[in-house]
Protein backbone atom coordinates (compact mmCIF):
# COMPACT_ATOMS: atom_id res chain seq x y z
CA MET A 1 2.18 -51.12 16.42
CA TYR A 2 3.84 -49.44 18.92
CA LEU A 3 2.70 -45.93 18.40
CA GLU A 4 -0.84 -46.60 18.32
CA LYS A 5 -0.43 -47.28 22.02
CA ILE A 6 1.36 -44.27 22.25
CA ASN A 7 -1.32 -41.47 23.93
CA SER A 8 1.10 -39.35 25.96
CA PRO A 9 4.93 -39.35 26.94
CA LYS A 10 4.20 -41.48 29.77
CA ASP A 11 3.43 -44.38 27.21
CA ILE A 12 7.01 -44.33 25.80
CA LYS A 13 8.82 -44.70 29.46
CA LYS A 14 7.29 -48.66 29.45
CA LEU A 15 8.92 -49.42 26.16
CA SER A 16 12.39 -51.40 26.38
CA ILE A 17 15.43 -49.99 24.08
CA GLY A 18 14.66 -52.82 21.58
CA GLU A 19 10.82 -51.48 21.61
CA LEU A 20 12.01 -47.45 21.34
CA LYS A 21 13.91 -48.38 18.45
CA GLU A 22 10.53 -50.07 17.18
CA LEU A 23 8.68 -47.24 17.47
CA ILE A 24 11.46 -44.94 15.79
CA VAL A 25 10.86 -46.62 12.70
CA GLU A 26 7.06 -46.43 12.67
CA LEU A 27 7.08 -42.80 13.29
CA ARG A 28 9.82 -42.23 10.40
CA ALA A 29 7.09 -44.24 8.34
CA HIS A 30 4.68 -42.32 9.48
CA LEU A 31 6.29 -38.94 9.08
CA LEU A 32 7.17 -39.38 5.64
CA LYS A 33 4.21 -41.05 4.55
CA ARG A 34 2.37 -37.73 6.06
CA LEU A 35 4.97 -35.45 4.41
CA SER A 36 5.47 -36.65 0.91
CA GLU A 37 1.34 -36.33 0.78
CA LYS A 38 1.17 -32.81 2.12
CA GLY A 39 4.48 -31.16 2.16
CA GLY A 40 5.73 -29.36 5.56
CA HIS A 41 9.41 -29.46 7.42
CA ILE A 42 10.87 -32.63 6.29
CA GLY A 43 14.95 -32.47 6.95
CA PRO A 44 14.20 -30.86 10.69
CA ASN A 45 11.76 -33.39 11.78
CA LEU A 46 13.56 -36.18 10.75
CA GLY A 47 16.68 -34.93 11.68
CA SER A 48 15.30 -34.39 15.70
CA LEU A 49 13.22 -37.44 15.89
CA GLU A 50 15.44 -39.90 17.63
CA PHE A 51 16.15 -37.09 20.30
CA THR A 52 12.77 -35.83 20.59
CA VAL A 53 11.73 -39.22 21.90
CA ALA A 54 14.76 -39.47 23.97
CA LEU A 55 13.39 -36.08 25.93
CA HIS A 56 10.47 -37.51 26.22
CA TYR A 57 11.56 -40.77 27.09
CA VAL A 58 13.79 -39.56 29.74
CA PHE A 59 12.06 -36.03 30.82
CA ASP A 60 8.31 -35.75 32.51
CA SER A 61 6.85 -33.38 30.01
CA PRO A 62 4.38 -31.52 30.77
CA LYS A 63 5.86 -31.08 34.26
CA ASP A 64 9.24 -30.88 32.68
CA LYS A 65 8.76 -27.81 30.36
CA ILE A 66 10.27 -28.41 26.77
CA VAL A 67 10.37 -25.06 24.38
CA PHE A 68 11.50 -25.87 20.73
CA ASP A 69 13.17 -23.33 18.71
CA VAL A 70 10.96 -21.92 15.97
CA SER A 71 9.12 -25.28 16.41
CA HIS A 72 9.25 -26.60 12.96
CA GLN A 73 11.04 -29.80 14.22
CA THR A 74 7.87 -30.95 16.59
CA TYR A 75 5.93 -33.59 14.42
CA VAL A 76 7.16 -35.93 16.41
CA HIS A 77 6.57 -34.32 19.96
CA LYS A 78 3.29 -33.47 18.43
CA MET A 79 2.79 -37.32 18.11
CA LEU A 80 3.98 -38.59 20.96
CA THR A 81 1.44 -36.04 22.95
CA GLY A 82 -1.77 -37.03 22.10
CA ARG A 83 -1.57 -36.35 18.49
CA LYS A 84 -0.42 -38.72 16.19
CA ASP A 85 -4.04 -39.13 14.36
CA ALA A 86 -2.74 -35.93 12.61
CA PHE A 87 -0.13 -37.36 10.66
CA MET A 88 -1.74 -41.17 10.70
CA ILE A 89 -5.14 -40.17 9.35
CA PRO A 90 -5.03 -38.28 6.05
CA GLU A 91 -8.34 -36.62 7.09
CA LYS A 92 -7.02 -35.39 9.85
CA TYR A 93 -3.76 -34.03 8.77
CA SER A 94 -4.89 -30.29 8.86
CA SER A 95 -6.11 -30.79 12.13
CA VAL A 96 -2.74 -29.60 14.10
CA THR A 97 -0.78 -26.33 12.68
CA GLY A 98 3.04 -27.03 12.18
CA TYR A 99 4.20 -25.21 15.25
CA THR A 100 3.46 -25.73 18.94
CA SER A 101 0.63 -24.21 20.05
CA PRO A 102 -0.66 -24.37 24.16
CA LYS A 103 -4.33 -23.87 22.19
CA GLU A 104 -3.67 -27.73 21.08
CA SER A 105 -1.73 -29.84 23.75
CA GLU A 106 -0.68 -28.80 27.62
CA HIS A 107 2.97 -30.15 26.39
CA ASP A 108 3.33 -26.94 23.82
CA PHE A 109 4.14 -23.86 25.99
CA PHE A 110 4.62 -21.20 23.52
CA THR A 111 3.11 -20.42 19.80
CA ILE A 112 6.12 -20.22 18.29
CA GLY A 113 7.31 -19.97 14.22
CA HIS A 114 10.02 -17.28 14.60
CA THR A 115 13.87 -18.10 15.14
CA SER A 116 16.31 -17.73 18.13
CA THR A 117 13.54 -17.36 20.70
CA SER A 118 13.57 -20.62 22.23
CA ILE A 119 16.51 -19.66 25.19
CA SER A 120 15.00 -16.61 26.29
CA LEU A 121 11.67 -18.23 26.32
CA ALA A 122 12.95 -21.01 28.40
CA CYS A 123 15.03 -18.64 30.60
CA GLY A 124 11.98 -16.80 31.62
CA LEU A 125 10.18 -20.28 32.45
CA ALA A 126 13.47 -21.30 34.64
CA LYS A 127 13.18 -17.83 36.45
CA ALA A 128 9.64 -18.29 37.26
CA ARG A 129 10.24 -21.85 38.88
CA ASN A 130 12.95 -20.22 40.61
CA LEU A 131 10.92 -17.56 42.22
CA LYS A 132 8.31 -20.35 43.23
CA GLY A 133 10.31 -22.50 44.50
CA ASP A 134 9.40 -25.19 41.65
CA ASN A 135 11.76 -27.70 41.03
CA GLU A 136 10.98 -28.77 37.26
CA ASN A 137 13.38 -28.88 34.60
CA ILE A 138 13.85 -26.71 31.66
CA ILE A 139 14.76 -27.68 28.46
CA ALA A 140 15.61 -25.30 25.52
CA VAL A 141 16.12 -26.60 21.72
CA ILE A 142 17.75 -24.89 19.29
CA GLY A 143 19.20 -25.64 15.94
CA ASP A 144 19.02 -24.89 11.88
CA GLY A 145 20.86 -21.89 11.90
CA SER A 146 18.68 -20.78 15.00
CA LEU A 147 22.04 -19.82 16.64
CA SER A 148 23.06 -17.17 14.34
CA GLY A 149 20.03 -15.03 15.20
CA GLY A 150 20.88 -12.18 17.89
CA GLU A 151 18.78 -13.27 20.28
CA ALA A 152 20.02 -16.70 20.98
CA TYR A 153 23.38 -14.89 22.04
CA GLU A 154 21.05 -13.10 24.51
CA GLY A 155 19.37 -15.62 25.73
CA LEU A 156 22.69 -18.07 25.86
CA ASN A 157 24.21 -15.01 27.81
CA ASN A 158 22.15 -14.89 30.49
CA VAL A 159 21.15 -18.41 31.34
CA PHE A 160 24.67 -17.93 33.43
CA GLU A 161 22.53 -15.79 35.55
CA LEU A 162 20.15 -18.08 36.54
CA ASP A 163 22.75 -20.56 38.43
CA SER A 164 20.19 -23.37 38.43
CA ASN A 165 18.79 -26.04 36.35
CA MET A 166 18.55 -24.79 32.95
CA ILE A 167 19.56 -27.44 29.64
CA VAL A 168 20.13 -26.18 26.31
CA VAL A 169 20.14 -28.95 23.61
CA ILE A 170 22.10 -27.46 20.98
CA ASN A 171 20.62 -29.85 17.38
CA ASP A 172 23.79 -29.28 15.10
CA ASN A 173 23.03 -30.57 11.88
CA ASN A 174 25.59 -28.77 10.19
CA GLN A 175 22.75 -27.10 8.07
CA SER A 176 20.86 -23.47 8.42
CA ILE A 177 17.66 -23.86 5.51
CA ALA A 178 20.76 -23.17 3.43
CA GLU A 179 24.51 -23.79 4.43
CA ASN A 180 25.43 -22.27 7.35
CA HIS A 181 26.84 -18.54 7.54
CA GLY A 182 28.76 -16.97 10.86
CA GLY A 183 31.60 -17.60 13.13
CA ILE A 184 29.93 -19.48 15.68
CA TYR A 185 29.43 -22.61 12.59
CA LYS A 186 33.20 -22.77 13.01
CA ASN A 187 33.64 -23.25 16.45
CA LEU A 188 31.08 -25.62 16.27
CA PHE A 189 32.38 -27.37 12.94
CA GLU A 190 35.84 -27.63 15.21
CA LEU A 191 33.84 -28.86 18.01
CA ARG A 192 32.17 -31.93 15.99
CA LYS A 193 35.43 -32.40 14.98
CA THR A 194 37.03 -33.04 18.06
CA LYS A 195 33.67 -34.61 19.47
CA GLY A 196 33.54 -31.77 21.98
CA LYS A 197 36.85 -31.41 22.96
CA ALA A 198 38.25 -28.44 21.50
CA GLU A 199 39.90 -25.83 23.37
CA ASN A 200 37.95 -23.34 21.81
CA ASN A 201 34.40 -23.59 23.27
CA ILE A 202 31.88 -20.55 22.79
CA PHE A 203 29.80 -22.18 25.22
CA LYS A 204 31.88 -22.70 28.05
CA ALA A 205 33.30 -18.61 27.58
CA MET A 206 29.83 -17.87 28.06
CA GLY A 207 30.48 -19.54 31.29
CA LEU A 208 28.14 -22.44 30.71
CA ASN A 209 28.97 -26.43 31.35
CA TYR A 210 28.73 -28.58 28.38
CA ILE A 211 28.70 -32.09 27.01
CA TYR A 212 29.19 -32.97 23.87
CA VAL A 213 26.85 -36.10 21.88
CA ASP A 214 28.46 -37.62 18.54
CA GLU A 215 26.07 -39.97 17.59
CA GLY A 216 23.01 -37.19 18.00
CA ASN A 217 20.34 -39.77 16.02
CA ASP A 218 21.35 -42.67 18.34
CA ILE A 219 18.45 -43.07 20.68
CA GLU A 220 20.77 -44.77 23.12
CA GLU A 221 23.50 -42.59 23.26
CA LEU A 222 20.71 -39.65 23.75
CA ILE A 223 19.33 -41.22 26.38
CA SER A 224 22.42 -41.49 28.47
CA ALA A 225 22.86 -37.89 27.68
CA PHE A 226 19.78 -36.82 29.04
CA LYS A 227 19.62 -39.10 31.67
CA SER A 228 23.24 -37.36 33.09
CA VAL A 229 21.49 -34.13 33.24
CA LYS A 230 18.04 -34.50 34.20
CA ASN A 231 17.67 -32.35 37.22
CA ILE A 232 20.96 -30.76 37.13
CA GLY A 233 21.09 -28.18 39.45
CA LYS A 234 23.15 -25.41 36.98
CA PRO A 235 23.02 -24.17 33.34
CA ILE A 236 24.03 -26.78 30.50
CA VAL A 237 24.62 -27.39 26.98
CA VAL A 238 24.02 -30.36 25.42
CA HIS A 239 25.61 -30.46 22.08
CA LEU A 240 23.98 -32.96 19.68
CA SER A 241 25.54 -33.59 16.36
CA THR A 242 22.52 -34.60 14.00
CA ASN A 243 21.78 -35.35 10.58
CA LYS A 244 19.41 -33.65 9.32
CA GLY A 245 16.95 -35.58 7.10
CA ASN A 246 18.15 -38.75 9.03
CA GLY A 247 16.64 -41.67 7.48
CA PHE A 248 15.64 -40.40 4.28
CA LYS A 249 18.88 -40.63 1.73
CA PRO A 250 17.26 -37.65 -0.70
CA ALA A 251 16.37 -35.58 2.22
CA GLU A 252 20.29 -36.24 3.66
CA ILE A 253 21.58 -35.73 0.42
CA ASN A 254 19.78 -32.33 -0.92
CA LYS A 255 19.21 -30.78 2.58
CA GLU A 256 18.01 -27.32 1.29
CA ASP A 257 15.81 -28.48 -0.71
CA PHE A 258 14.29 -30.94 1.96
CA HIS A 259 14.21 -28.46 4.46
CA PHE A 260 10.76 -27.31 3.73
CA GLY A 261 9.08 -28.98 0.59
CA ALA A 262 5.75 -29.65 -1.37
CA PRO A 263 4.42 -33.12 -1.63
CA PHE A 264 7.26 -35.60 -3.03
CA ASP A 265 7.45 -39.33 -3.96
CA ILE A 266 8.77 -41.11 -1.50
CA GLU A 267 10.47 -43.78 -3.77
CA THR A 268 12.24 -41.13 -5.83
CA GLY A 269 12.20 -38.04 -3.38
CA GLU A 270 10.87 -36.13 -6.53
CA PHE A 271 8.82 -32.99 -5.59
CA LYS A 272 5.58 -33.42 -7.53
CA ARG A 273 5.76 -29.90 -8.97
CA ASN A 274 4.49 -29.17 -12.36
CA LYS A 275 5.71 -31.26 -15.03
CA SER A 276 4.24 -29.01 -17.85
CA GLY A 277 7.88 -27.38 -18.61
CA GLN A 278 9.22 -23.82 -17.64
CA LYS A 279 8.14 -22.09 -14.60
CA ASP A 280 5.48 -19.50 -16.29
CA GLU A 281 6.65 -15.49 -15.31
CA ASP A 282 5.80 -14.30 -12.22
CA TYR A 283 6.78 -11.20 -9.55
CA SER A 284 9.60 -13.60 -8.09
CA SER A 285 11.11 -14.43 -11.35
CA ILE A 286 11.25 -10.80 -12.47
CA THR A 287 12.66 -9.79 -9.33
CA LEU A 288 15.14 -12.33 -9.63
CA ASP A 289 16.25 -11.37 -13.06
CA PHE A 290 16.86 -7.68 -11.64
CA LEU A 291 18.65 -8.49 -9.00
CA ILE A 292 20.96 -10.98 -10.87
CA ASN A 293 21.91 -8.27 -14.17
CA SER A 294 21.89 -5.36 -11.28
CA VAL A 295 24.84 -7.82 -9.67
CA LYS A 296 26.26 -8.54 -13.15
CA ASN A 297 26.00 -4.56 -14.16
CA ASP A 298 27.42 -3.20 -11.28
CA LYS A 299 30.08 -4.18 -8.57
CA THR A 300 28.10 -1.73 -6.03
CA VAL A 301 25.23 -3.73 -5.61
CA ALA A 302 24.87 -6.16 -3.01
CA VAL A 303 21.95 -8.36 -2.58
CA LEU A 304 21.18 -9.50 1.40
CA THR A 305 19.22 -12.48 2.80
CA ALA A 306 18.83 -13.66 6.57
CA GLY A 307 18.99 -17.33 6.13
CA THR A 308 16.27 -17.66 3.42
CA PRO A 309 17.59 -17.35 -0.03
CA GLY A 310 15.14 -19.84 -1.69
CA ASP A 311 11.95 -17.69 -0.48
CA PHE A 312 13.42 -15.51 -3.16
CA GLU A 313 14.24 -18.07 -5.74
CA LEU A 314 18.42 -17.42 -4.60
CA SER A 315 19.55 -20.83 -5.57
CA LYS A 316 23.18 -22.12 -5.04
CA GLU A 317 24.03 -21.52 -8.34
CA VAL A 318 22.32 -18.18 -8.38
CA ARG A 319 24.19 -17.17 -5.04
CA GLU A 320 27.67 -18.98 -6.45
CA LYS A 321 27.33 -16.66 -9.55
CA MET A 322 26.92 -13.07 -7.27
CA GLY A 323 29.67 -14.16 -5.35
CA LYS A 324 31.19 -11.68 -2.70
CA GLN A 325 27.97 -9.36 -3.91
CA TYR A 326 25.73 -11.73 -2.11
CA ILE A 327 25.40 -11.57 1.94
CA ASP A 328 24.20 -14.04 3.66
CA VAL A 329 23.63 -12.98 7.38
CA GLY A 330 22.53 -15.90 8.88
CA ILE A 331 18.77 -15.91 10.69
CA ALA A 332 19.27 -12.35 11.62
CA GLU A 333 17.17 -9.58 9.83
CA GLU A 334 18.03 -7.04 12.79
CA HIS A 335 21.78 -7.41 11.87
CA ALA A 336 20.68 -7.62 7.82
CA VAL A 337 18.96 -3.83 8.25
CA ALA A 338 21.89 -2.26 9.85
CA MET A 339 24.61 -3.49 7.51
CA SER A 340 22.45 -2.25 4.57
CA SER A 341 22.62 1.02 6.63
CA GLY A 342 26.61 0.51 6.96
CA LEU A 343 26.82 -0.22 3.13
CA ALA A 344 24.56 2.32 1.91
CA LYS A 345 26.17 4.86 4.01
CA ASN A 346 30.00 4.07 2.51
CA GLY A 347 28.52 4.07 -1.31
CA ALA A 348 27.30 0.37 -1.95
CA LYS A 349 24.06 -0.08 -3.41
CA PRO A 350 21.93 -3.32 -0.82
CA VAL A 351 19.28 -5.31 -1.65
CA PHE A 352 17.78 -6.83 1.14
CA CYS A 353 15.51 -9.24 0.17
CA VAL A 354 13.21 -10.70 3.66
CA CYS A 355 9.78 -11.92 3.89
CA SER A 356 6.87 -9.98 5.78
CA SER A 357 6.17 -11.39 8.63
CA PHE A 358 10.25 -11.62 9.71
CA ILE A 359 10.80 -8.26 8.78
CA GLN A 360 9.09 -7.62 11.93
CA ARG A 361 12.08 -8.53 14.17
CA THR A 362 13.57 -5.37 12.49
CA TYR A 363 11.67 -2.19 14.12
CA ASP A 364 14.33 -0.50 15.93
CA GLN A 365 17.40 -0.99 13.47
CA LEU A 366 14.72 0.30 10.36
CA SER A 367 13.91 2.93 12.40
CA GLN A 368 17.42 4.16 14.13
CA ASP A 369 19.97 2.96 12.01
CA LEU A 370 18.01 2.91 8.97
CA CYS A 371 15.90 5.81 8.36
CA LEU A 372 17.12 8.26 11.30
CA ASN A 373 20.11 7.99 9.07
CA ASN A 374 18.59 8.28 5.89
CA ASN A 375 20.56 5.72 4.37
CA PRO A 376 19.16 4.79 0.73
CA ALA A 377 19.32 1.02 1.54
CA LEU A 378 16.68 -0.59 -0.57
CA ILE A 379 14.18 -3.43 1.17
CA LEU A 380 12.20 -6.25 -1.23
CA VAL A 381 9.43 -7.30 1.25
CA TYR A 382 7.56 -10.80 0.10
CA TYR A 383 4.67 -12.72 1.04
CA ALA A 384 3.31 -9.31 2.38
CA SER A 385 -0.43 -10.77 1.41
CA VAL A 386 -3.64 -12.40 3.36
CA TYR A 387 -2.88 -14.80 0.14
CA ARG A 388 0.56 -16.17 1.16
CA ALA A 389 1.41 -17.88 4.35
CA ASN A 390 -1.85 -18.47 6.57
CA ASP A 391 0.33 -19.82 9.60
CA VAL A 392 -0.95 -17.61 12.64
CA THR A 393 3.62 -17.36 13.02
CA HIS A 394 4.11 -16.15 9.29
CA LEU A 395 1.49 -13.67 8.78
CA GLY A 396 2.15 -10.92 5.83
CA ILE A 397 -0.16 -8.46 7.08
CA PHE A 398 1.29 -6.19 9.66
CA ASP A 399 4.04 -4.88 7.64
CA ILE A 400 2.12 -1.83 6.27
CA PRO A 401 1.20 -0.73 10.09
CA MET A 402 4.76 -0.99 11.00
CA ILE A 403 6.59 0.69 7.71
CA SER A 404 4.58 2.78 6.66
CA ASN A 405 4.66 5.14 10.17
CA ILE A 406 8.32 5.35 10.09
CA PRO A 407 10.04 8.74 8.66
CA ASN A 408 11.77 8.87 5.77
CA LEU A 409 11.15 5.33 4.42
CA VAL A 410 9.21 5.36 0.95
CA TYR A 411 7.28 2.10 1.09
CA LEU A 412 5.91 1.46 -2.16
CA ALA A 413 3.09 -0.86 -3.75
CA PRO A 414 3.34 -1.83 -7.32
CA THR A 415 0.19 -3.09 -9.39
CA ASN A 416 1.85 -4.88 -12.03
CA LYS A 417 5.33 -6.34 -13.53
CA GLU A 418 6.45 -2.54 -15.30
CA GLU A 419 5.74 -0.44 -12.11
CA HIS A 420 7.25 -3.35 -10.33
CA LEU A 421 11.04 -2.86 -12.11
CA LYS A 422 10.65 0.82 -12.65
CA MET A 423 10.21 0.45 -8.95
CA MET A 424 13.45 -1.56 -8.12
CA GLU A 425 15.31 0.48 -10.56
CA TRP A 426 14.30 3.71 -8.88
CA GLY A 427 14.94 2.62 -5.48
CA LEU A 428 18.19 0.84 -6.00
CA ASN A 429 19.57 4.28 -7.60
CA GLN A 430 18.40 6.69 -5.94
CA ASN A 431 20.11 8.06 -2.99
CA GLU A 432 17.85 10.40 -1.26
CA HIS A 433 15.67 7.73 0.84
CA PRO A 434 15.71 4.36 2.47
CA VAL A 435 13.18 2.83 0.11
CA ALA A 436 10.71 -0.86 0.69
CA ILE A 437 8.89 -2.28 -2.15
CA ARG A 438 5.83 -4.37 -1.82
CA VAL A 439 6.32 -7.42 -4.08
CA PRO A 440 3.30 -8.84 -5.15
CA ALA A 441 1.64 -11.58 -4.35
CA LEU A 442 -0.94 -12.43 -6.87
CA ASP A 443 -0.59 -13.89 -10.40
CA LEU A 444 1.58 -11.34 -12.55
CA ILE A 445 0.05 -8.51 -14.22
CA SER A 446 2.01 -7.03 -17.17
CA THR A 447 0.35 -3.53 -19.52
CA GLY A 448 2.74 -3.83 -21.98
CA GLU A 449 4.30 -0.44 -21.79
CA GLU A 450 7.32 0.86 -19.99
CA ASP A 451 6.04 2.99 -16.80
CA LYS A 452 7.53 6.49 -16.95
CA THR A 453 6.68 7.37 -13.78
CA ASP A 454 9.04 9.67 -11.89
CA TYR A 455 9.38 8.18 -8.50
CA SER A 456 11.41 10.81 -7.36
CA ILE A 457 8.60 12.81 -6.94
CA LEU A 458 6.95 11.33 -3.84
CA ASN A 459 3.34 10.72 -2.88
CA LYS A 460 1.50 11.35 -6.31
CA TYR A 461 -1.12 8.68 -6.90
CA LYS A 462 -2.42 7.67 -10.42
CA VAL A 463 -5.34 8.58 -11.70
CA THR A 464 -6.78 5.25 -13.59
CA LYS A 465 -10.32 6.41 -14.36
CA LYS A 466 -11.72 9.47 -13.87
CA GLY A 467 -15.52 9.41 -12.80
CA LYS A 468 -17.76 11.01 -9.68
CA ASP A 469 -19.41 10.56 -6.42
CA VAL A 470 -17.09 7.47 -5.56
CA ALA A 471 -13.40 7.39 -5.45
CA ILE A 472 -11.64 3.59 -4.99
CA ILE A 473 -8.28 3.62 -3.63
CA ALA A 474 -6.81 0.41 -4.11
CA LEU A 475 -3.49 -0.29 -3.21
CA GLY A 476 -1.16 -2.78 -4.74
CA ASN A 477 -2.17 -6.68 -4.98
CA PHE A 478 -6.17 -5.19 -4.33
CA TYR A 479 -6.36 -2.83 -7.11
CA LYS A 480 -7.08 -5.56 -9.45
CA LEU A 481 -10.17 -6.08 -7.08
CA GLY A 482 -10.43 -2.13 -7.02
CA LYS A 483 -10.69 -2.22 -10.77
CA GLU A 484 -13.77 -5.00 -11.12
CA ILE A 485 -15.46 -2.84 -8.99
CA ALA A 486 -14.58 0.11 -10.69
CA ASP A 487 -15.29 -1.57 -14.01
CA GLU A 488 -19.27 -2.84 -12.82
CA LEU A 489 -20.28 0.44 -11.25
CA GLY A 490 -19.00 2.70 -14.20
CA ASP A 491 -18.95 6.91 -13.67
CA ILE A 492 -16.65 6.03 -10.67
CA THR A 493 -13.00 6.98 -9.96
CA LEU A 494 -10.48 4.37 -9.22
CA ILE A 495 -6.78 5.56 -8.27
CA ASN A 496 -3.96 3.52 -7.99
CA PRO A 497 -1.72 5.12 -4.72
CA ARG A 498 1.89 3.33 -5.72
CA PHE A 499 2.77 5.12 -2.39
CA ILE A 500 2.35 3.37 1.02
CA THR A 501 4.08 6.10 3.05
CA GLY A 502 2.47 9.30 2.17
CA LEU A 503 -0.70 11.33 0.98
CA ASP A 504 -1.41 13.08 -2.37
CA GLU A 505 -3.07 16.07 -0.90
CA GLU A 506 -3.48 17.90 -3.99
CA LEU A 507 -5.38 14.60 -5.50
CA LEU A 508 -7.49 13.87 -2.76
CA GLU A 509 -8.31 17.78 -2.05
CA GLU A 510 -9.67 17.73 -6.07
CA LEU A 511 -12.09 14.82 -4.92
CA LYS A 512 -13.56 16.66 -2.40
CA GLU A 513 -15.58 18.40 -5.22
CA ASN A 514 -17.45 15.86 -7.31
CA HIS A 515 -17.50 13.25 -4.89
CA LYS A 516 -19.32 11.68 -1.91
CA LEU A 517 -17.36 8.62 -1.24
CA VAL A 518 -14.02 7.39 -0.76
CA ILE A 519 -13.22 3.72 -0.47
CA THR A 520 -9.86 2.17 0.36
CA LEU A 521 -8.51 -1.28 -0.07
CA GLU A 522 -5.70 -2.94 1.47
CA ASP A 523 -3.87 -5.98 1.48
CA GLY A 524 -3.02 -5.86 5.23
CA ALA A 525 -4.29 -4.91 9.09
CA ILE A 526 -6.45 -1.94 8.72
CA ASP A 527 -5.60 -0.71 11.94
CA GLY A 528 -2.77 2.04 12.00
CA GLY A 529 -2.70 0.79 7.69
CA PHE A 530 -3.13 3.19 4.73
CA GLY A 531 -6.37 3.42 4.25
CA GLU A 532 -6.61 5.46 8.09
CA LYS A 533 -4.14 7.84 6.69
CA ILE A 534 -6.89 8.36 3.87
CA SER A 535 -9.79 8.79 6.83
CA ARG A 536 -7.74 11.07 9.16
CA PHE A 537 -7.01 13.72 5.80
CA PHE A 538 -10.81 13.48 5.36
CA GLY A 539 -11.67 13.96 9.03
CA THR A 540 -13.27 17.27 8.79
CA SER A 541 -15.34 17.34 5.50
CA ASP A 542 -18.42 16.16 4.41
CA LEU A 543 -16.85 13.40 1.98
CA LYS A 544 -17.54 9.61 3.22
CA VAL A 545 -14.65 7.31 3.89
CA LYS A 546 -14.85 3.53 4.62
CA ASN A 547 -11.84 1.55 4.98
CA TYR A 548 -11.07 -2.26 3.74
CA GLY A 549 -8.27 -4.67 5.10
CA ILE A 550 -7.97 -7.17 7.33
CA LYS A 551 -9.38 -6.53 11.28
CA LYS A 552 -6.99 -6.40 14.52
CA ASN A 553 -5.81 -9.98 15.23
CA PHE A 554 -4.03 -13.21 14.88
CA PRO A 555 -5.88 -15.49 12.00
CA ASP A 556 -4.83 -18.54 11.66
CA ARG A 557 -5.00 -21.13 8.70
CA VAL A 558 -7.84 -19.70 7.44
CA VAL A 559 -8.12 -19.87 3.53
CA ALA A 560 -7.68 -16.12 2.30
CA GLU A 561 -11.25 -15.96 0.46
CA LYS A 562 -12.71 -16.59 3.67
CA LEU A 563 -10.68 -14.15 5.44
CA LEU A 564 -11.74 -11.82 2.77
CA LEU A 565 -15.49 -12.71 3.30
CA GLU A 566 -15.04 -12.31 7.27
CA ASN A 567 -14.05 -9.00 6.82
CA GLY A 568 -16.16 -7.67 4.06
CA ILE A 569 -13.75 -7.78 1.42
CA SER A 570 -15.31 -8.95 -2.31
CA LYS A 571 -16.60 -7.18 -5.09
CA ASP A 572 -20.17 -7.86 -4.39
CA LEU A 573 -19.57 -6.92 -0.98
CA ILE A 574 -18.19 -3.75 -1.42
CA ILE A 575 -20.49 -2.90 -4.36
CA ASN A 576 -23.45 -3.32 -2.02
CA ASP A 577 -21.90 -1.31 0.76
CA ILE A 578 -21.04 1.42 -1.76
CA LYS A 579 -24.58 1.44 -2.60
CA GLU A 580 -26.20 1.33 0.48
CA ILE A 581 -24.03 4.60 1.83
CA LEU A 582 -25.07 6.73 -1.24
CA ASN A 583 -28.96 6.07 -0.55
CA LYS A 584 -28.81 7.01 3.01
């Protein structure tokens, strides 16, 4: 066993090539065991195993600085930098995050979970090195579709200006999360086909030096290539042709499903999913059905994603059926928003499906390209909740403060199936506003009654229970909690606001007549959020307001229920708060 003796990259430098190959076998076995039991990023880590070993064999981390794009391919990097127990001992599987983290190791330079950033971050490290007169190697690793993101181009464009050591490792596995989209991949294909000799070379066109490694999963070839560029005094691209999922046949064959997956059977490659039969209806499935029917019935409907179709259940079969009405822009959310604005301007009906965490990259495009021009695109925001992704790099709690304060945009929060369907129908077919919908994150709730609301009458809240003294305004995912509180307290008012971006001033004014306290509940960051708008409205009145949401910070891998309790959010805690406030 070699891995047991590896506590830092210095330890692998003592191994012969033959011993390195045996170490790689051990690493893959532990990776597969851990991934099969816990799930995670499967294909990216299997495909990057060999070049990660080679990087640490040749370079001198942490003096030499390696920046991994997205960093979802860093499991082996962690195993070689003092964190192997998290991949070898089941009880410690959750002791490290799935991404790089400077809190964990001096070998990690940034907390990274979003795409296309490594080259820009590494440019900063390299420029600082130059300013200080130091001489370490700076290496940026990028792949898995990340070159389709705009920041990657900006970084590559600026690398040339450094005129000093900067090594960009292109992990080219001919795959994004799903299939590749975009012209750059045509050039990468041409370079792979010609073993790097094609006259048409985007990297050389940008003024960069370039070498190609055809066997990007061969440890000897990799070591030779990295040795040739170590301490080089100019910017250079090292283009690796790798195999995503390398060494595990199911992941090599089914690259899309094995990009990120649940626990699976190592012997069969089958995911350990619920075998009970057909999947229950949920908000994702009814959204998908709506999109499929919309595309089928209206040739002007276009469904856009930014390289993550699996997040929205847009399987390969569904994408093929949608044909040209399905648009994957690559991992480029900014472009997707701007393109949606253009589609809407010219008479199409764009629907952009995006995760809450990823829409953060699009603020300027939302504000300038879409909302300033007031074009009627529809944006469906998924995973916007404390109940969804909880890694610090993928939090879904910041979309409300970000989106709800942009003029012209109508941001909606449905609380049940019928509202969600009606909001999507209205948002798709109206032509007055850009519309975003916060796709519910909890178990599906159906009233069984058609929602007949006219959403063109903006900012009209729905009073679902009329009472006195206390009014609970419970937004979206937290409406269920608001209802539980209202049911227990009895004669109080419960309001489903539905609109995140505006105030029902007439209704709020009426509350002053026979209410003493307003409670707001929102499943997201409280600072700059929905509740603060309510507080501002009542600011000069005698009516008290208490806002509930998540305090401004970056919670990392905190279980939702614990995070809520830390923020004073539970039925019992809120009821106690209400009683205390009323008794003062």
